[in-house]
PDB file of N, CA and C in Angstrom:
ATOM      1  N   MET A   1       0.736  -1.354   0.197  1.00  0.00           N
ATOM      2  CA  MET A   1      -0.164  -0.081  -0.168  1.00  0.00           C
ATOM      3  C   MET A   1       1.226   1.691  -0.800  1.00  0.00           C
ATOM      4  N   GLU A   2       0.233   1.793  -0.893  1.00  0.00           N
ATOM      5  CA  GLU A   2       0.868   2.972  -0.556  1.00  0.00           C
ATOM      6  C   GLU A   2       0.277   4.576   0.371  1.00  0.00           C
ATOM      7  N   GLN A   3       1.289   4.855   0.866  1.00  0.00           N
ATOM      8  CA  GLN A   3       1.685   5.886   1.582  1.00  0.00           C
ATOM      9  C   GLN A   3       0.749   7.048   1.257  1.00  0.00           C
ATOM     10  N   VAL A   4       0.221   7.960   2.229  1.00  0.00           N
ATOM     11  CA  VAL A   4      -0.521   9.737   1.093  1.00  0.00           C
ATOM     12  C   VAL A   4       0.616   9.824   2.756  1.00  0.00           C
ATOM     13  N   ASN A   5       1.091  11.005   1.341  1.00  0.00           N
ATOM     14  CA  ASN A   5       2.029  11.203   3.466  1.00  0.00           C
ATOM     15  C   ASN A   5       1.749  13.185   3.350  1.00  0.00           C
ATOM     16  N   ASN A   6       1.869  13.237   4.291  1.00  0.00           N
ATOM     17  CA  ASN A   6       1.084  14.752   5.203  1.00  0.00           C
ATOM     18  C   ASN A   6       1.305  16.623   4.074  1.00  0.00           C
ATOM     19  N   ILE A   7       2.157  15.841   2.033  1.00  0.00           N
ATOM     20  CA  ILE A   7       1.654  17.140   2.118  1.00  0.00           C
ATOM     21  C   ILE A   7       0.633  17.159   1.023  1.00  0.00           C
ATOM     22  N   GLN A   8       0.709  16.457   0.358  1.00  0.00           N
ATOM     23  CA  GLN A   8      -0.845  16.285  -0.345  1.00  0.00           C
ATOM     24  C   GLN A   8      -2.116  16.302  -0.014  1.00  0.00           C
ATOM     25  N   ILE A   9      -2.466  16.460   2.143  1.00  0.00           N
ATOM     26  CA  ILE A   9      -3.606  15.821   2.767  1.00  0.00           C
ATOM     27  C   ILE A   9      -3.609  17.403   2.594  1.00  0.00           C
ATOM     28  N   ASP A  10      -2.366  18.378   2.921  1.00  0.00           N
ATOM     29  CA  ASP A  10      -2.610  19.718   3.349  1.00  0.00           C
ATOM     30  C   ASP A  10      -2.796  20.371   2.321  1.00  0.00           C
ATOM     31  N   ASN A  11      -3.023  20.631   0.617  1.00  0.00           N
ATOM     32  CA  ASN A  11      -2.361  20.700  -0.608  1.00  0.00           C
ATOM     33  C   ASN A  11      -4.259  20.738  -0.507  1.00  0.00           C
ATOM     34  N   PHE A  12      -4.428  19.846   0.091  1.00  0.00           N
ATOM     35  CA  PHE A  12      -5.916  19.259  -0.882  1.00  0.00           C
ATOM     36  C   PHE A  12      -6.856  19.818   0.065  1.00  0.00           C
ATOM     37  N   SER A  13      -5.839  19.986   1.910  1.00  0.00           N
ATOM     38  CA  SER A  13      -7.223  20.368   2.939  1.00  0.00           C
ATOM     39  C   SER A  13      -7.134  22.257   2.332  1.00  0.00           C
ATOM     40  N   SER A  14      -6.232  22.182   1.901  1.00  0.00           N
ATOM     41  CA  SER A  14      -6.025  24.305   1.242  1.00  0.00           C
ATOM     42  C   SER A  14      -6.356  24.343   0.401  1.00  0.00           C
ATOM     43  N   PHE A  15      -6.783  23.573  -0.593  1.00  0.00           N
ATOM     44  CA  PHE A  15      -7.438  23.788  -1.874  1.00  0.00           C
ATOM     45  C   PHE A  15      -8.952  24.326  -1.846  1.00  0.00           C
ATOM     46  N   PHE A  16      -9.486  22.377  -1.158  1.00  0.00           N
ATOM     47  CA  PHE A  16     -10.722  22.862  -0.725  1.00  0.00           C
ATOM     48  C   PHE A  16     -11.137  23.913   0.087  1.00  0.00           C
ATOM     49  N   PHE A  17     -10.496  24.390   1.730  1.00  0.00           N
ATOM     50  CA  PHE A  17     -10.654  25.443   2.163  1.00  0.00           C
ATOM     51  C   PHE A  17     -10.872  26.329   1.794  1.00  0.00           C
ATOM     52  N   THR A  18      -9.939  27.032   0.632  1.00  0.00           N
ATOM     53  CA  THR A  18      -9.334  28.273   0.279  1.00  0.00           C
ATOM     54  C   THR A  18      -9.914  28.270  -1.607  1.00  0.00           C
ATOM     55  N   GLY A  19     -10.727  27.800  -1.865  1.00  0.00           N
ATOM     56  CA  GLY A  19     -11.765  28.057  -2.724  1.00  0.00           C
ATOM     57  C   GLY A  19     -11.867  29.360  -3.292  1.00  0.00           C
ATOM     58  N   SER A  20     -12.291  29.345  -4.222  1.00  0.00           N
ATOM     59  CA  SER A  20     -13.402  30.547  -4.569  1.00  0.00           C
ATOM     60  C   SER A  20     -14.453  30.835  -4.289  1.00  0.00           C
ATOM     61  N   TRP A  21     -14.631  32.018  -2.889  1.00  0.00           N
ATOM     62  CA  TRP A  21     -16.051  32.337  -2.395  1.00  0.00           C
ATOM     63  C   TRP A  21     -16.334  33.399  -3.026  1.00  0.00           C
ATOM     64  N   THR A  22     -15.145  34.231  -4.515  1.00  0.00           N
ATOM     65  CA  THR A  22     -16.296  35.044  -4.322  1.00  0.00           C
ATOM     66  C   THR A  22     -17.697  35.093  -4.547  1.00  0.00           C
ATOM     67  N   ILE A  23     -18.155  34.818  -4.562  1.00  0.00           N
ATOM     68  CA  ILE A  23     -19.617  34.421  -5.722  1.00  0.00           C
ATOM     69  C   ILE A  23     -20.546  34.497  -3.616  1.00  0.00           C
ATOM     70  N   ILE A  24     -20.584  33.898  -3.193  1.00  0.00           N
ATOM     71  CA  ILE A  24     -20.702  33.766  -2.058  1.00  0.00           C
ATOM     72  C   ILE A  24     -20.464  35.043  -1.038  1.00  0.00           C
ATOM     73  N   ASP A  25     -19.179  35.880  -1.076  1.00  0.00           N
ATOM     74  CA  ASP A  25     -19.192  36.870  -0.774  1.00  0.00           C
ATOM     75  C   ASP A  25     -19.952  38.116  -1.005  1.00  0.00           C
ATOM     76  N   ILE A  26     -20.086  38.213  -2.606  1.00  0.00           N
ATOM     77  CA  ILE A  26     -20.974  38.621  -3.607  1.00  0.00           C
ATOM     78  C   ILE A  26     -22.644  38.872  -2.753  1.00  0.00           C
ATOM     79  N   LEU A  27     -22.966  37.147  -2.435  1.00  0.00           N
ATOM     80  CA  LEU A  27     -24.350  37.001  -1.998  1.00  0.00           C
ATOM     81  C   LEU A  27     -24.844  37.484  -0.900  1.00  0.00           C
ATOM     82  N   ILE A  28     -23.603  37.175  -0.073  1.00  0.00           N
ATOM     83  CA  ILE A  28     -24.139  37.397   1.315  1.00  0.00           C
ATOM     84  C   ILE A  28     -24.677  39.211   1.622  1.00  0.00           C
ATOM     85  N   ILE A  29     -22.945  39.833   1.343  1.00  0.00           N
ATOM     86  CA  ILE A  29     -24.136  41.374   0.648  1.00  0.00           C
ATOM     87  C   ILE A  29     -25.046  41.923  -0.068  1.00  0.00           C
ATOM     88  N   LEU A  30     -25.562  41.125  -1.242  1.00  0.00           N
ATOM     89  CA  LEU A  30     -26.884  41.257  -1.168  1.00  0.00           C
ATOM     90  C   LEU A  30     -27.915  41.318  -1.033  1.00  0.00           C
ATOM     91  N   ILE A  31     -27.726  39.677   0.153  1.00  0.00           N
ATOM     92  CA  ILE A  31     -29.233  39.336   0.750  1.00  0.00           C
ATOM     93  C   ILE A  31     -29.075  40.666   2.262  1.00  0.00           C
ATOM     94  N   GLY A  32     -27.109  40.495   2.750  1.00  0.00           N
ATOM     95  CA  GLY A  32     -27.729  42.047   3.976  1.00  0.00           C
ATOM     96  C   GLY A  32     -28.840  42.949   3.280  1.00  0.00           C
ATOM     97  N   LEU A  33     -28.088  43.442   1.610  1.00  0.00           N
ATOM     98  CA  LEU A  33     -29.423  44.315   1.237  1.00  0.00           C
ATOM     99  C   LEU A  33     -30.252  44.539   1.314  1.00  0.00           C
ATOM    100  N   ASP A  34     -30.921  43.223   0.656  1.00  0.00           N
ATOM    101  CA  ASP A  34     -32.009  43.245   0.451  1.00  0.00           C
ATOM    102  C   ASP A  34     -32.714  43.022   2.305  1.00  0.00           C
ATOM    103  N   VAL A  35     -31.842  43.121   3.292  1.00  0.00           N
ATOM    104  CA  VAL A  35     -32.760  42.630   4.661  1.00  0.00           C
ATOM    105  C   VAL A  35     -33.277  43.812   5.050  1.00  0.00           C
ATOM    106  N   ILE A  36     -32.020  44.823   5.089  1.00  0.00           N
ATOM    107  CA  ILE A  36     -31.972  45.886   4.899  1.00  0.00           C
ATOM    108  C   ILE A  36     -33.292  46.871   4.010  1.00  0.00           C
ATOM    109  N   SER A  37     -33.060  46.588   3.250  1.00  0.00           N
ATOM    110  CA  SER A  37     -34.040  47.467   1.697  1.00  0.00           C
ATOM    111  C   SER A  37     -35.778  46.953   2.304  1.00  0.00           C
ATOM    112  N   GLY A  38     -36.014  45.862   3.218  1.00  0.00           N
ATOM    113  CA  GLY A  38     -37.091  45.134   3.178  1.00  0.00           C
ATOM    114  C   GLY A  38     -37.521  45.538   4.584  1.00  0.00           C
ATOM    115  N   VAL A  39     -36.443  46.016   5.802  1.00  0.00           N
ATOM    116  CA  VAL A  39     -37.177  46.194   7.283  1.00  0.00           C
ATOM    117  C   VAL A  39     -37.608  47.764   6.856  1.00  0.00           C
ATOM    118  N   ILE A  40     -36.857  48.292   6.196  1.00  0.00           N
ATOM    119  CA  ILE A  40     -36.709  49.645   6.108  1.00  0.00           C
ATOM    120  C   ILE A  40     -38.100  49.909   5.658  1.00  0.00           C
ATOM    121  N   LYS A  41     -38.638  49.321   4.071  1.00  0.00           N
ATOM    122  CA  LYS A  41     -39.495  49.388   2.919  1.00  0.00           C
ATOM    123  C   LYS A  41     -41.227  49.158   5.074  1.00  0.00           C
ATOM    124  N   ALA A  42     -41.002  47.914   5.341  1.00  0.00           N
ATOM    125  CA  ALA A  42     -41.673  47.729   6.903  1.00  0.00           C
ATOM    126  C   ALA A  42     -41.898  48.681   7.234  1.00  0.00           C
ATOM    127  N   THR A  43     -40.729  48.788   7.856  1.00  0.00           N
ATOM    128  CA  THR A  43     -41.267  50.460   8.730  1.00  0.00           C
ATOM    129  C   THR A  43     -41.930  51.908   8.793  1.00  0.00           C
ATOM    130  N   ARG A  44     -41.404  51.123   6.852  1.00  0.00           N
ATOM    131  CA  ARG A  44     -42.747  52.791   6.374  1.00  0.00           C
ATOM    132  C   ARG A  44     -44.223  52.947   6.357  1.00  0.00           C
ATOM    133  N   GLU A  45     -43.978  51.376   6.534  1.00  0.00           N
ATOM    134  CA  GLU A  45     -45.352  50.531   5.280  1.00  0.00           C
ATOM    135  C   GLU A  45     -46.320  50.709   6.924  1.00  0.00           C
ATOM    136  N   HIS A  46     -45.392  50.735   8.452  1.00  0.00           N
ATOM    137  CA  HIS A  46     -45.605  50.119   9.550  1.00  0.00           C
ATOM    138  C   HIS A  46     -46.655  48.965   8.890  1.00  0.00           C
ATOM    139  N   THR A  47     -46.176  48.233   8.714  1.00  0.00           N
ATOM    140  CA  THR A  47     -46.366  45.942   8.821  1.00  0.00           C
ATOM    141  C   THR A  47     -45.245  45.791   9.170  1.00  0.00           C
ATOM    142  N   ILE A  48     -44.671  45.860   9.545  1.00  0.00           N
ATOM    143  CA  ILE A  48     -43.820  44.751   9.998  1.00  0.00           C
ATOM    144  C   ILE A  48     -44.082  43.525  10.761  1.00  0.00           C
ATOM    145  N   LYS A  49     -43.549  42.363  10.581  1.00  0.00           N
ATOM    146  CA  LYS A  49     -44.483  41.147  11.106  1.00  0.00           C
ATOM    147  C   LYS A  49     -43.347  40.466  11.595  1.00  0.00           C
ATOM    148  N   SER A  50     -43.334  40.111  12.341  1.00  0.00           N
ATOM    149  CA  SER A  50     -42.151  38.837  12.978  1.00  0.00           C
ATOM    150  C   SER A  50     -42.054  37.516  11.593  1.00  0.00           C
ATOM    151  N   SER A  51     -43.740  36.813  10.824  1.00  0.00           N
ATOM    152  CA  SER A  51     -43.490  35.689  10.882  1.00  0.00           C
ATOM    153  C   SER A  51     -43.159  36.196   9.111  1.00  0.00           C
ATOM    154  N   VAL A  52     -43.497  37.228   8.957  1.00  0.00           N
ATOM    155  CA  VAL A  52     -42.294  37.430   7.884  1.00  0.00           C
ATOM    156  C   VAL A  52     -41.069  37.634   7.494  1.00  0.00           C
ATOM    157  N   ALA A  53     -41.146  37.765   8.300  1.00  0.00           N
ATOM    158  CA  ALA A  53     -39.216  38.270   7.903  1.00  0.00           C
ATOM    159  C   ALA A  53     -38.488  37.125   8.702  1.00  0.00           C
ATOM    160  N   ASN A  54     -39.045  35.628   9.233  1.00  0.00           N
ATOM    161  CA  ASN A  54     -38.841  34.314   9.287  1.00  0.00           C
ATOM    162  C   ASN A  54     -38.751  34.074   8.721  1.00  0.00           C
ATOM    163  N   ILE A  55     -39.695  33.701   7.418  1.00  0.00           N
ATOM    164  CA  ILE A  55     -39.913  33.067   6.812  1.00  0.00           C
ATOM    165  C   ILE A  55     -38.874  33.170   5.659  1.00  0.00           C
ATOM    166  N   GLY A  56     -38.874  35.011   5.247  1.00  0.00           N
ATOM    167  CA  GLY A  56     -38.009  35.308   3.783  1.00  0.00           C
ATOM    168  C   GLY A  56     -36.190  34.798   4.537  1.00  0.00           C
ATOM    169  N   LEU A  57     -36.050  34.679   5.908  1.00  0.00           N
ATOM    170  CA  LEU A  57     -34.755  34.311   6.373  1.00  0.00           C
ATOM    171  C   LEU A  57     -34.492  33.558   6.086  1.00  0.00           C
ATOM    172  N   ALA A  58     -35.218  32.105   6.569  1.00  0.00           N
ATOM    173  CA  ALA A  58     -35.156  30.984   6.413  1.00  0.00           C
ATOM    174  C   ALA A  58     -35.771  29.962   5.198  1.00  0.00           C
ATOM    175  N   LYS A  59     -35.709  31.230   3.805  1.00  0.00           N
ATOM    176  CA  LYS A  59     -35.260  31.717   2.643  1.00  0.00           C
ATOM    177  C   LYS A  59     -33.894  31.896   2.035  1.00  0.00           C
ATOM    178  N   LYS A  60     -33.617  32.825   2.239  1.00  0.00           N
ATOM    179  CA  LYS A  60     -32.743  33.196   2.514  1.00  0.00           C
ATOM    180  C   LYS A  60     -31.070  33.042   2.690  1.00  0.00           C
ATOM    181  N   VAL A  61     -31.787  32.184   3.246  1.00  0.00           N
ATOM    182  CA  VAL A  61     -30.308  30.361   4.584  1.00  0.00           C
ATOM    183  C   VAL A  61     -30.119  29.242   3.361  1.00  0.00           C
ATOM    184  N   GLY A  62     -31.515  29.108   2.968  1.00  0.00           N
ATOM    185  CA  GLY A  62     -31.682  28.002   2.365  1.00  0.00           C
ATOM    186  C   GLY A  62     -31.010  28.206   0.312  1.00  0.00           C
ATOM    187  N   ILE A  63     -31.027  29.476  -0.042  1.00  0.00           N
ATOM    188  CA  ILE A  63     -30.459  29.722  -0.715  1.00  0.00           C
ATOM    189  C   ILE A  63     -28.985  30.079  -0.580  1.00  0.00           C
ATOM    190  N   LEU A  64     -28.414  30.125   0.893  1.00  0.00           N
ATOM    191  CA  LEU A  64     -27.154  30.153  -0.128  1.00  0.00           C
ATOM    192  C   LEU A  64     -26.641  28.716   1.426  1.00  0.00           C
ATOM    193  N   MET A  65     -26.825  28.025   1.019  1.00  0.00           N
ATOM    194  CA  MET A  65     -26.919  27.361   2.053  1.00  0.00           C
ATOM    195  C   MET A  65     -26.325  25.808   0.388  1.00  0.00           C
ATOM    196  N   VAL A  66     -27.654  26.838  -0.928  1.00  0.00           N
ATOM    197  CA  VAL A  66     -27.832  26.151  -1.756  1.00  0.00           C
ATOM    198  C   VAL A  66     -25.295  26.607  -2.481  1.00  0.00           C
ATOM    199  N   VAL A  67     -25.835  27.609  -2.326  1.00  0.00           N
ATOM    200  CA  VAL A  67     -24.690  28.188  -2.573  1.00  0.00           C
ATOM    201  C   VAL A  67     -23.463  26.906  -2.801  1.00  0.00           C
ATOM    202  N   ILE A  68     -23.667  27.201  -1.308  1.00  0.00           N
ATOM    203  CA  ILE A  68     -22.266  26.967  -1.161  1.00  0.00           C
ATOM    204  C   ILE A  68     -22.179  24.970  -0.700  1.00  0.00           C
ATOM    205  N   VAL A  69     -22.360  25.076  -1.014  1.00  0.00           N
ATOM    206  CA  VAL A  69     -22.986  23.330  -1.857  1.00  0.00           C
ATOM    207  C   VAL A  69     -22.008  23.556  -3.234  1.00  0.00           C
ATOM    208  N   ALA A  70     -23.371  23.625  -4.010  1.00  0.00           N
ATOM    209  CA  ALA A  70     -22.735  23.988  -5.566  1.00  0.00           C
ATOM    210  C   ALA A  70     -21.488  24.510  -5.412  1.00  0.00           C
ATOM    211  N   ASN A  71     -20.418  25.671  -5.547  1.00  0.00           N
ATOM    212  CA  ASN A  71     -19.458  25.660  -5.272  1.00  0.00           C
ATOM    213  C   ASN A  71     -18.306  24.959  -4.514  1.00  0.00           C
ATOM    214  N   LEU A  72     -18.886  24.311  -3.271  1.00  0.00           N
ATOM    215  CA  LEU A  72     -17.883  23.079  -3.106  1.00  0.00           C
ATOM    216  C   LEU A  72     -18.149  22.037  -3.549  1.00  0.00           C
ATOM    217  N   ALA A  73     -19.035  21.973  -4.307  1.00  0.00           N
ATOM    218  CA  ALA A  73     -18.570  20.191  -5.925  1.00  0.00           C
ATOM    219  C   ALA A  73     -18.754  21.043  -6.210  1.00  0.00           C
ATOM    220  N   ASP A  74     -18.412  22.232  -7.165  1.00  0.00           N
ATOM    221  CA  ASP A  74     -17.599  22.649  -7.964  1.00  0.00           C
ATOM    222  C   ASP A  74     -16.505  22.247  -7.460  1.00  0.00           C
ATOM    223  N   ILE A  75     -15.244  23.339  -6.967  1.00  0.00           N
ATOM    224  CA  ILE A  75     -13.982  23.127  -6.399  1.00  0.00           C
ATOM    225  C   ILE A  75     -13.259  21.607  -6.607  1.00  0.00           C
ATOM    226  N   VAL A  76     -14.375  20.810  -5.582  1.00  0.00           N
ATOM    227  CA  VAL A  76     -13.943  19.339  -5.657  1.00  0.00           C
ATOM    228  C   VAL A  76     -14.183  19.307  -7.837  1.00  0.00           C
ATOM    229  N   PHE A  77     -15.267  19.170  -8.239  1.00  0.00           N
ATOM    230  CA  PHE A  77     -14.942  18.463  -8.162  1.00  0.00           C
ATOM    231  C   PHE A  77     -14.547  18.707 -10.304  1.00  0.00           C
ATOM    232  N   LYS A  78     -13.810  19.673 -10.211  1.00  0.00           N
ATOM    233  CA  LYS A  78     -13.580  20.794 -10.758  1.00  0.00           C
ATOM    234  C   LYS A  78     -12.121  19.625 -11.929  1.00  0.00           C
ATOM    235  N   ALA A  79     -12.182  19.543 -12.983  1.00  0.00           N
ATOM    236  CA  ALA A  79     -11.883  19.030 -14.435  1.00  0.00           C
ATOM    237  C   ALA A  79     -10.581  19.839 -15.244  1.00  0.00           C
TER     238      ALA A  79
END
């Protein structure tokens, strides 16, 4: 059996954890702007409801998780 040396494991882990996260950074900024604009609109219209905010935040977290998993899959399976 061949032994996997520590350099190969370190290279894989550094590649895996330091991939291209630019799209996720942009998505987080856009989600933040969306939340802020939604709070401003709800405040102006006096329609702030925590149930609506919770549903919206759950959708945004779901979208973020899908993008993160897709990004990781792209990094791992990059040909």
